[in-house]
Amino acid sequence: MTRLDILLAAYQHYDTICTALILVAAWVAVTGQMLDWMLVRKWRAIILIFWSLVITGYLAGIIFVGLKFS
């Protein structure tokens, strides 16, 4: 493979990579706001559910990216 082929392969997925970065940035912002809101009220059950969903979403994202680009 030449360098041009490598660059062309990378730029084919450029829109997917940019979309993923925007979604991650939005997710981090919303997660921070929700976590601040929940910690002020000290709702233990909702915090446990929230972190369970965050970890599940993170693992699902890793699996999706692994399957998409393998």
C-alpha atoms as a PDB file:
ATOM      1  CA  MET A   1       0.000   0.000   0.000  1.00  0.00           C
ATOM      2  CA  THR A   2       1.236   3.428  -0.830  1.00  0.00           C
ATOM      3  CA  ARG A   3       0.843   6.447   1.376  1.00  0.00           C
ATOM      4  CA  LEU A   4      -1.879   7.769  -0.911  1.00  0.00           C
ATOM      5  CA  ASP A   5      -3.916   4.570  -0.450  1.00  0.00           C
ATOM      6  CA  ILE A   6      -3.563   4.843   3.322  1.00  0.00           C
ATOM      7  CA  LEU A   7      -4.736   8.477   3.274  1.00  0.00           C
ATOM      8  CA  LEU A   8      -7.664   7.643   1.012  1.00  0.00           C
ATOM      9  CA  ALA A   9      -8.709   4.814   3.337  1.00  0.00           C
ATOM     10  CA  ALA A  10      -8.538   7.152   6.349  1.00  0.00           C
ATOM     11  CA  TYR A  11     -10.562   9.899   4.647  1.00  0.00           C
ATOM     12  CA  GLN A  12     -13.312   7.451   3.674  1.00  0.00           C
ATOM     13  CA  HIS A  13     -14.191   7.220   7.378  1.00  0.00           C
ATOM     14  CA  TYR A  14     -13.619  10.921   8.134  1.00  0.00           C
ATOM     15  CA  ASP A  15     -17.325  11.772   8.437  1.00  0.00           C
ATOM     16  CA  THR A  16     -17.917   8.818  10.769  1.00  0.00           C
ATOM     17  CA  ILE A  17     -14.989   9.824  12.964  1.00  0.00           C
ATOM     18  CA  CYS A  18     -16.139  13.464  13.177  1.00  0.00           C
ATOM     19  CA  THR A  19     -19.695  12.407  14.004  1.00  0.00           C
ATOM     20  CA  ALA A  20     -18.415  10.096  16.731  1.00  0.00           C
ATOM     21  CA  LEU A  21     -16.307  12.884  18.254  1.00  0.00           C
ATOM     22  CA  ILE A  22     -19.283  15.262  18.302  1.00  0.00           C
ATOM     23  CA  LEU A  23     -21.485  12.600  19.913  1.00  0.00           C
ATOM     24  CA  VAL A  24     -18.850  11.850  22.559  1.00  0.00           C
ATOM     25  CA  ALA A  25     -18.518  15.550  23.371  1.00  0.00           C
ATOM     26  CA  ALA A  26     -22.297  15.896  23.734  1.00  0.00           C
ATOM     27  CA  TRP A  27     -22.431  12.743  25.851  1.00  0.00           C
ATOM     28  CA  VAL A  28     -19.745  14.051  28.203  1.00  0.00           C
ATOM     29  CA  ALA A  29     -21.554  17.376  28.615  1.00  0.00           C
ATOM     30  CA  VAL A  30     -24.918  15.750  29.347  1.00  0.00           C
ATOM     31  CA  THR A  31     -23.335  13.168  31.655  1.00  0.00           C
ATOM     32  CA  GLY A  32     -21.661  15.873  33.711  1.00  0.00           C
ATOM     33  CA  GLN A  33     -24.875  17.849  34.056  1.00  0.00           C
ATOM     34  CA  MET A  34     -26.902  14.790  35.068  1.00  0.00           C
ATOM     35  CA  LEU A  35     -24.277  13.652  37.556  1.00  0.00           C
ATOM     36  CA  ASP A  36     -24.165  17.079  39.207  1.00  0.00           C
ATOM     37  CA  TRP A  37     -27.954  17.130  39.407  1.00  0.00           C
ATOM     38  CA  MET A  38     -28.129  13.649  40.965  1.00  0.00           C
ATOM     39  CA  LEU A  39     -25.354  14.191  43.486  1.00  0.00           C
ATOM     40  CA  VAL A  40     -27.021  17.318  44.852  1.00  0.00           C
ATOM     41  CA  ARG A  41     -30.175  15.333  45.629  1.00  0.00           C
ATOM     42  CA  LYS A  42     -28.250  12.251  46.881  1.00  0.00           C
ATOM     43  CA  TRP A  43     -30.456   9.708  45.109  1.00  0.00           C
ATOM     44  CA  ARG A  44     -28.440   6.497  45.529  1.00  0.00           C
ATOM     45  CA  ALA A  45     -30.684   4.199  43.450  1.00  0.00           C
ATOM     46  CA  ILE A  46     -30.732   6.558  40.466  1.00  0.00           C
ATOM     47  CA  ILE A  47     -26.974   7.023  40.663  1.00  0.00           C
ATOM     48  CA  LEU A  48     -26.500   3.230  40.589  1.00  0.00           C
ATOM     49  CA  ILE A  49     -28.826   2.908  37.587  1.00  0.00           C
ATOM     50  CA  PHE A  50     -27.116   5.835  35.867  1.00  0.00           C
ATOM     51  CA  TRP A  51     -23.621   4.372  36.219  1.00  0.00           C
ATOM     52  CA  SER A  52     -24.871   0.964  35.103  1.00  0.00           C
ATOM     53  CA  LEU A  53     -26.237   2.573  31.941  1.00  0.00           C
ATOM     54  CA  VAL A  54     -23.015   4.535  31.387  1.00  0.00           C
ATOM     55  CA  ILE A  55     -20.861   1.412  31.645  1.00  0.00           C
ATOM     56  CA  THR A  56     -23.238  -0.570  29.427  1.00  0.00           C
ATOM     57  CA  GLY A  57     -23.217   2.206  26.833  1.00  0.00           C
ATOM     58  CA  TYR A  58     -19.436   2.416  26.941  1.00  0.00           C
ATOM     59  CA  LEU A  59     -19.067  -1.328  26.389  1.00  0.00           C
ATOM     60  CA  ALA A  60     -21.652  -1.255  23.591  1.00  0.00           C
ATOM     61  CA  GLY A  61     -19.705   1.572  21.931  1.00  0.00           C
ATOM     62  CA  ILE A  62     -16.446  -0.364  22.117  1.00  0.00           C
ATOM     63  CA  ILE A  63     -18.102  -3.438  20.618  1.00  0.00           C
ATOM     64  CA  PHE A  64     -19.742  -1.346  17.875  1.00  0.00           C
ATOM     65  CA  VAL A  65     -16.482   0.334  16.902  1.00  0.00           C
ATOM     66  CA  GLY A  66     -14.674  -3.009  16.961  1.00  0.00           C
ATOM     67  CA  LEU A  67     -17.245  -4.601  14.676  1.00  0.00           C
ATOM     68  CA  LYS A  68     -17.531  -1.576  12.385  1.00  0.00           C
ATOM     69  CA  PHE A  69     -13.819  -1.161  11.636  1.00  0.00           C
ATOM     70  CA  SER A  70     -12.593  -4.760  11.770  1.00  0.00           C
END
